[in-house]
């Protein structure tokens, strides 16, 4: 059974930062979304996540930029 996982990321700067942690938790548990829908700040996080070749490196980079 091949299941696709989709994630919806909302807008807002603080929420966008929280989305990084959510994506990291998913990845740490072997869950890699194949579809991402997002708005505003979440769209920035989602777009960069989708374009990354190394998700863990990207998420750490973005987290360091925000905090």
PDB file of N, CA and C in Angstrom:
ATOM      1  N   UNK A   1       0.841  -1.180   0.000  1.00  0.00           N
ATOM      2  CA  UNK A   1       0.000   0.000   0.000  1.00  0.00           C
ATOM      3  C   UNK A   1       0.884   1.241   0.000  1.00  0.00           C
ATOM      4  N   UNK A   2       0.725   2.069  -0.993  1.00  0.00           N
ATOM      5  CA  UNK A   2       1.494   3.304  -1.110  1.00  0.00           C
ATOM      6  C   UNK A   2       0.606   4.467  -0.703  1.00  0.00           C
ATOM      7  N   UNK A   3       0.938   5.101   0.397  1.00  0.00           N
ATOM      8  CA  UNK A   3       0.134   6.200   0.916  1.00  0.00           C
ATOM      9  C   UNK A   3       0.893   7.513   0.786  1.00  0.00           C
ATOM     10  N   UNK A   4       0.229   8.533   0.291  1.00  0.00           N
ATOM     11  CA  UNK A   4       0.827   9.864   0.228  1.00  0.00           C
ATOM     12  C   UNK A   4       0.361  10.668   1.426  1.00  0.00           C
ATOM     13  N   UNK A   5       1.269  11.455   1.983  1.00  0.00           N
ATOM     14  CA  UNK A   5       0.968  12.295   3.134  1.00  0.00           C
ATOM     15  C   UNK A   5       1.011  13.750   2.683  1.00  0.00           C
ATOM     16  N   UNK A   6      -0.014  14.507   3.031  1.00  0.00           N
ATOM     17  CA  UNK A   6      -0.066  15.931   2.738  1.00  0.00           C
ATOM     18  C   UNK A   6      -0.044  16.729   4.026  1.00  0.00           C
ATOM     19  N   UNK A   7       0.547  17.908   3.974  1.00  0.00           N
ATOM     20  CA  UNK A   7       0.642  18.788   5.133  1.00  0.00           C
ATOM     21  C   UNK A   7       0.138  20.164   4.728  1.00  0.00           C
ATOM     22  N   UNK A   8      -0.624  20.797   5.615  1.00  0.00           N
ATOM     23  CA  UNK A   8      -1.104  22.159   5.387  1.00  0.00           C
ATOM     24  C   UNK A   8      -0.418  23.068   6.398  1.00  0.00           C
ATOM     25  N   UNK A   9       0.271  24.094   5.904  1.00  0.00           N
ATOM     26  CA  UNK A   9       0.973  25.048   6.757  1.00  0.00           C
ATOM     27  C   UNK A   9       0.269  26.400   6.684  1.00  0.00           C
ATOM     28  N   UNK A  10      -0.025  26.966   7.846  1.00  0.00           N
ATOM     29  CA  UNK A  10      -0.751  28.236   7.880  1.00  0.00           C
ATOM     30  C   UNK A  10       0.212  29.418   7.824  1.00  0.00           C
ATOM     31  N   UNK A  11      -0.358  30.611   7.763  1.00  0.00           N
ATOM     32  CA  UNK A  11       0.427  31.825   7.677  1.00  0.00           C
ATOM     33  C   UNK A  11       0.800  32.371   9.045  1.00  0.00           C
ATOM     34  N   UNK A  12       1.639  33.377   9.035  1.00  0.00           N
ATOM     35  CA  UNK A  12       2.084  34.022  10.265  1.00  0.00           C
ATOM     36  C   UNK A  12       3.518  33.661  10.581  1.00  0.00           C
ATOM     37  N   UNK A  13       4.281  34.645  11.040  1.00  0.00           N
ATOM     38  CA  UNK A  13       5.707  34.442  11.292  1.00  0.00           C
ATOM     39  C   UNK A  13       6.000  33.415  12.369  1.00  0.00           C
ATOM     40  N   UNK A  14       5.314  33.502  13.502  1.00  0.00           N
ATOM     41  CA  UNK A  14       5.557  32.564  14.593  1.00  0.00           C
ATOM     42  C   UNK A  14       5.077  31.175  14.208  1.00  0.00           C
ATOM     43  N   UNK A  15       3.955  31.095  13.537  1.00  0.00           N
ATOM     44  CA  UNK A  15       3.467  29.784  13.091  1.00  0.00           C
ATOM     45  C   UNK A  15       4.433  29.167  12.092  1.00  0.00           C
ATOM     46  N   UNK A  16       4.994  29.987  11.224  1.00  0.00           N
ATOM     47  CA  UNK A  16       5.961  29.472  10.244  1.00  0.00           C
ATOM     48  C   UNK A  16       7.148  28.849  10.968  1.00  0.00           C
ATOM     49  N   UNK A  17       7.576  29.482  12.049  1.00  0.00           N
ATOM     50  CA  UNK A  17       8.678  28.922  12.838  1.00  0.00           C
ATOM     51  C   UNK A  17       8.258  27.599  13.461  1.00  0.00           C
ATOM     52  N   UNK A  18       7.019  27.498  13.901  1.00  0.00           N
ATOM     53  CA  UNK A  18       6.520  26.254  14.503  1.00  0.00           C
ATOM     54  C   UNK A  18       6.441  25.141  13.463  1.00  0.00           C
ATOM     55  N   UNK A  19       6.160  25.494  12.230  1.00  0.00           N
ATOM     56  CA  UNK A  19       6.066  24.490  11.173  1.00  0.00           C
ATOM     57  C   UNK A  19       7.402  23.772  10.978  1.00  0.00           C
ATOM     58  N   UNK A  20       8.492  24.459  11.235  1.00  0.00           N
ATOM     59  CA  UNK A  20       9.816  23.846  11.099  1.00  0.00           C
ATOM     60  C   UNK A  20       9.930  22.664  12.054  1.00  0.00           C
ATOM     61  N   UNK A  21       9.495  22.872  13.299  1.00  0.00           N
ATOM     62  CA  UNK A  21       9.526  21.795  14.285  1.00  0.00           C
ATOM     63  C   UNK A  21       8.627  20.633  13.902  1.00  0.00           C
ATOM     64  N   UNK A  22       7.471  20.945  13.348  1.00  0.00           N
ATOM     65  CA  UNK A  22       6.544  19.893  12.912  1.00  0.00           C
ATOM     66  C   UNK A  22       7.171  19.068  11.794  1.00  0.00           C
ATOM     67  N   UNK A  23       7.762  19.737  10.815  1.00  0.00           N
ATOM     68  CA  UNK A  23       8.397  19.023   9.708  1.00  0.00           C
ATOM     69  C   UNK A  23       9.572  18.183  10.205  1.00  0.00           C
ATOM     70  N   UNK A  24      10.324  18.699  11.176  1.00  0.00           N
ATOM     71  CA  UNK A  24      11.435  17.930  11.738  1.00  0.00           C
ATOM     72  C   UNK A  24      10.924  16.684  12.449  1.00  0.00           C
ATOM     73  N   UNK A  25       9.854  16.827  13.222  1.00  0.00           N
ATOM     74  CA  UNK A  25       9.296  15.680  13.937  1.00  0.00           C
ATOM     75  C   UNK A  25       8.794  14.621  12.958  1.00  0.00           C
ATOM     76  N   UNK A  26       8.156  15.062  11.888  1.00  0.00           N
ATOM     77  CA  UNK A  26       7.691  14.112  10.878  1.00  0.00           C
ATOM     78  C   UNK A  26       8.873  13.368  10.264  1.00  0.00           C
ATOM     79  N   UNK A  27       9.894  14.113   9.873  1.00  0.00           N
ATOM     80  CA  UNK A  27      11.068  13.504   9.248  1.00  0.00           C
ATOM     81  C   UNK A  27      11.776  12.545  10.198  1.00  0.00           C
ATOM     82  N   UNK A  28      11.861  12.909  11.474  1.00  0.00           N
ATOM     83  CA  UNK A  28      12.526  12.055  12.459  1.00  0.00           C
ATOM     84  C   UNK A  28      11.812  10.717  12.613  1.00  0.00           C
ATOM     85  N   UNK A  29      10.528  10.707  12.308  1.00  0.00           N
ATOM     86  CA  UNK A  29       9.746   9.472  12.397  1.00  0.00           C
ATOM     87  C   UNK A  29       9.549   8.802  11.049  1.00  0.00           C
ATOM     88  N   UNK A  30      10.341   9.217  10.065  1.00  0.00           N
ATOM     89  CA  UNK A  30      10.308   8.581   8.752  1.00  0.00           C
ATOM     90  C   UNK A  30       9.123   8.973   7.898  1.00  0.00           C
ATOM     91  N   UNK A  31       8.491  10.104   8.221  1.00  0.00           N
ATOM     92  CA  UNK A  31       7.343  10.582   7.444  1.00  0.00           C
ATOM     93  C   UNK A  31       7.793  11.786   6.634  1.00  0.00           C
ATOM     94  N   UNK A  32       7.706  11.648   5.315  1.00  0.00           N
ATOM     95  CA  UNK A  32       8.117  12.717   4.422  1.00  0.00           C
ATOM     96  C   UNK A  32       6.923  13.116   3.562  1.00  0.00           C
ATOM     97  N   UNK A  33       6.358  14.309   3.798  1.00  0.00           N
ATOM     98  CA  UNK A  33       5.179  14.727   3.037  1.00  0.00           C
ATOM     99  C   UNK A  33       5.469  14.787   1.545  1.00  0.00           C
ATOM    100  N   UNK A  34       4.509  14.307   0.756  1.00  0.00           N
ATOM    101  CA  UNK A  34       4.646  14.389  -0.696  1.00  0.00           C
ATOM    102  C   UNK A  34       3.865  15.564  -1.258  1.00  0.00           C
ATOM    103  N   UNK A  35       2.980  16.143  -0.441  1.00  0.00           N
ATOM    104  CA  UNK A  35       2.181  17.297  -0.851  1.00  0.00           C
ATOM    105  C   UNK A  35       2.190  18.313   0.289  1.00  0.00           C
ATOM    106  N   UNK A  36       2.473  19.571  -0.042  1.00  0.00           N
ATOM    107  CA  UNK A  36       2.421  20.646   0.956  1.00  0.00           C
ATOM    108  C   UNK A  36       1.576  21.773   0.398  1.00  0.00           C
ATOM    109  N   UNK A  37       0.598  22.198   1.185  1.00  0.00           N
ATOM    110  CA  UNK A  37      -0.235  23.348   0.855  1.00  0.00           C
ATOM    111  C   UNK A  37      -0.012  24.382   1.951  1.00  0.00           C
ATOM    112  N   UNK A  38       0.153  25.644   1.582  1.00  0.00           N
ATOM    113  CA  UNK A  38       0.501  26.627   2.602  1.00  0.00           C
ATOM    114  C   UNK A  38       0.099  28.041   2.196  1.00  0.00           C
ATOM    115  N   UNK A  39       0.113  28.924   3.185  1.00  0.00           N
ATOM    116  CA  UNK A  39      -0.171  30.343   2.971  1.00  0.00           C
ATOM    117  C   UNK A  39       0.860  31.183   3.715  1.00  0.00           C
ATOM    118  N   UNK A  40       1.196  32.327   3.159  1.00  0.00           N
ATOM    119  CA  UNK A  40       2.039  33.341   3.789  1.00  0.00           C
ATOM    120  C   UNK A  40       3.358  32.760   4.293  1.00  0.00           C
ATOM    121  N   UNK A  41       3.654  32.909   5.590  1.00  0.00           N
ATOM    122  CA  UNK A  41       4.913  32.421   6.149  1.00  0.00           C
ATOM    123  C   UNK A  41       5.077  30.926   5.992  1.00  0.00           C
ATOM    124  N   UNK A  42       3.974  30.205   6.112  1.00  0.00           N
ATOM    125  CA  UNK A  42       4.009  28.755   5.913  1.00  0.00           C
ATOM    126  C   UNK A  42       4.392  28.393   4.491  1.00  0.00           C
ATOM    127  N   UNK A  43       3.992  29.237   3.539  1.00  0.00           N
ATOM    128  CA  UNK A  43       4.335  28.990   2.136  1.00  0.00           C
ATOM    129  C   UNK A  43       5.837  29.128   1.912  1.00  0.00           C
ATOM    130  N   UNK A  44       6.454  30.057   2.609  1.00  0.00           N
ATOM    131  CA  UNK A  44       7.907  30.221   2.489  1.00  0.00           C
ATOM    132  C   UNK A  44       8.607  28.979   3.030  1.00  0.00           C
ATOM    133  N   UNK A  45       8.196  28.547   4.216  1.00  0.00           N
ATOM    134  CA  UNK A  45       8.784  27.347   4.818  1.00  0.00           C
ATOM    135  C   UNK A  45       8.534  26.137   3.920  1.00  0.00           C
ATOM    136  N   UNK A  46       7.309  25.986   3.440  1.00  0.00           N
ATOM    137  CA  UNK A  46       6.954  24.856   2.588  1.00  0.00           C
ATOM    138  C   UNK A  46       7.722  24.836   1.282  1.00  0.00           C
ATOM    139  N   UNK A  47       7.845  25.995   0.652  1.00  0.00           N
ATOM    140  CA  UNK A  47       8.553  26.063  -0.630  1.00  0.00           C
ATOM    141  C   UNK A  47      10.034  25.740  -0.461  1.00  0.00           C
ATOM    142  N   UNK A  48      10.630  26.264   0.577  1.00  0.00           N
ATOM    143  CA  UNK A  48      12.044  25.981   0.809  1.00  0.00           C
ATOM    144  C   UNK A  48      12.254  24.514   1.184  1.00  0.00           C
ATOM    145  N   UNK A  49      11.322  23.969   1.950  1.00  0.00           N
ATOM    146  CA  UNK A  49      11.404  22.550   2.318  1.00  0.00           C
ATOM    147  C   UNK A  49      11.325  21.673   1.070  1.00  0.00           C
ATOM    148  N   UNK A  50      10.411  21.994   0.185  1.00  0.00           N
ATOM    149  CA  UNK A  50      10.237  21.193  -1.036  1.00  0.00           C
ATOM    150  C   UNK A  50      11.456  21.272  -1.947  1.00  0.00           C
ATOM    151  N   UNK A  51      12.149  22.390  -1.935  1.00  0.00           N
ATOM    152  CA  UNK A  51      13.306  22.558  -2.793  1.00  0.00           C
ATOM    153  C   UNK A  51      14.600  22.047  -2.193  1.00  0.00           C
ATOM    154  N   UNK A  52      14.578  21.651  -0.933  1.00  0.00           N
ATOM    155  CA  UNK A  52      15.799  21.216  -0.256  1.00  0.00           C
ATOM    156  C   UNK A  52      16.151  19.786  -0.642  1.00  0.00           C
ATOM    157  N   UNK A  53      17.436  19.531  -0.772  1.00  0.00           N
ATOM    158  CA  UNK A  53      17.890  18.165  -1.027  1.00  0.00           C
ATOM    159  C   UNK A  53      18.209  17.454   0.284  1.00  0.00           C
ATOM    160  N   UNK A  54      18.563  18.220   1.304  1.00  0.00           N
ATOM    161  CA  UNK A  54      18.833  17.670   2.633  1.00  0.00           C
ATOM    162  C   UNK A  54      17.897  18.376   3.608  1.00  0.00           C
ATOM    163  N   UNK A  55      16.776  17.745   3.919  1.00  0.00           N
ATOM    164  CA  UNK A  55      15.756  18.404   4.732  1.00  0.00           C
ATOM    165  C   UNK A  55      16.247  18.776   6.120  1.00  0.00           C
ATOM    166  N   UNK A  56      17.008  17.923   6.754  1.00  0.00           N
ATOM    167  CA  UNK A  56      17.483  18.212   8.120  1.00  0.00           C
ATOM    168  C   UNK A  56      18.397  19.437   8.125  1.00  0.00           C
ATOM    169  N   UNK A  57      19.302  19.508   7.160  1.00  0.00           N
ATOM    170  CA  UNK A  57      20.209  20.656   7.062  1.00  0.00           C
ATOM    171  C   UNK A  57      19.413  21.939   6.811  1.00  0.00           C
ATOM    172  N   UNK A  58      18.425  21.877   5.927  1.00  0.00           N
ATOM    173  CA  UNK A  58      17.585  23.039   5.638  1.00  0.00           C
ATOM    174  C   UNK A  58      16.820  23.487   6.873  1.00  0.00           C
ATOM    175  N   UNK A  59      16.186  22.561   7.582  1.00  0.00           N
ATOM    176  CA  UNK A  59      15.375  22.929   8.742  1.00  0.00           C
ATOM    177  C   UNK A  59      16.237  23.559   9.829  1.00  0.00           C
ATOM    178  N   UNK A  60      17.434  23.031  10.056  1.00  0.00           N
ATOM    179  CA  UNK A  60      18.342  23.642  11.031  1.00  0.00           C
ATOM    180  C   UNK A  60      18.755  25.038  10.596  1.00  0.00           C
ATOM    181  N   UNK A  61      19.011  25.217   9.317  1.00  0.00           N
ATOM    182  CA  UNK A  61      19.398  26.529   8.787  1.00  0.00           C
ATOM    183  C   UNK A  61      18.293  27.557   9.003  1.00  0.00           C
ATOM    184  N   UNK A  62      17.072  27.197   8.653  1.00  0.00           N
ATOM    185  CA  UNK A  62      15.955  28.134   8.793  1.00  0.00           C
ATOM    186  C   UNK A  62      15.677  28.433  10.261  1.00  0.00           C
ATOM    187  N   UNK A  63      15.754  27.425  11.119  1.00  0.00           N
ATOM    188  CA  UNK A  63      15.534  27.653  12.539  1.00  0.00           C
ATOM    189  C   UNK A  63      16.568  28.644  13.093  1.00  0.00           C
ATOM    190  N   UNK A  64      17.813  28.505  12.682  1.00  0.00           N
ATOM    191  CA  UNK A  64      18.863  29.426  13.146  1.00  0.00           C
ATOM    192  C   UNK A  64      18.637  30.837  12.621  1.00  0.00           C
ATOM    193  N   UNK A  65      18.051  30.977  11.427  1.00  0.00           N
ATOM    194  CA  UNK A  65      17.759  32.309  10.892  1.00  0.00           C
ATOM    195  C   UNK A  65      16.665  32.991  11.706  1.00  0.00           C
ATOM    196  N   UNK A  66      15.658  32.228  12.116  1.00  0.00           N
ATOM    197  CA  UNK A  66      14.517  32.802  12.833  1.00  0.00           C
ATOM    198  C   UNK A  66      14.882  33.113  14.273  1.00  0.00           C
ATOM    199  N   UNK A  67      15.599  32.207  14.921  1.00  0.00           N
ATOM    200  CA  UNK A  67      15.912  32.396  16.333  1.00  0.00           C
ATOM    201  C   UNK A  67      17.330  32.842  16.443  1.00  0.00           C
TER     202      UNK A  67
END
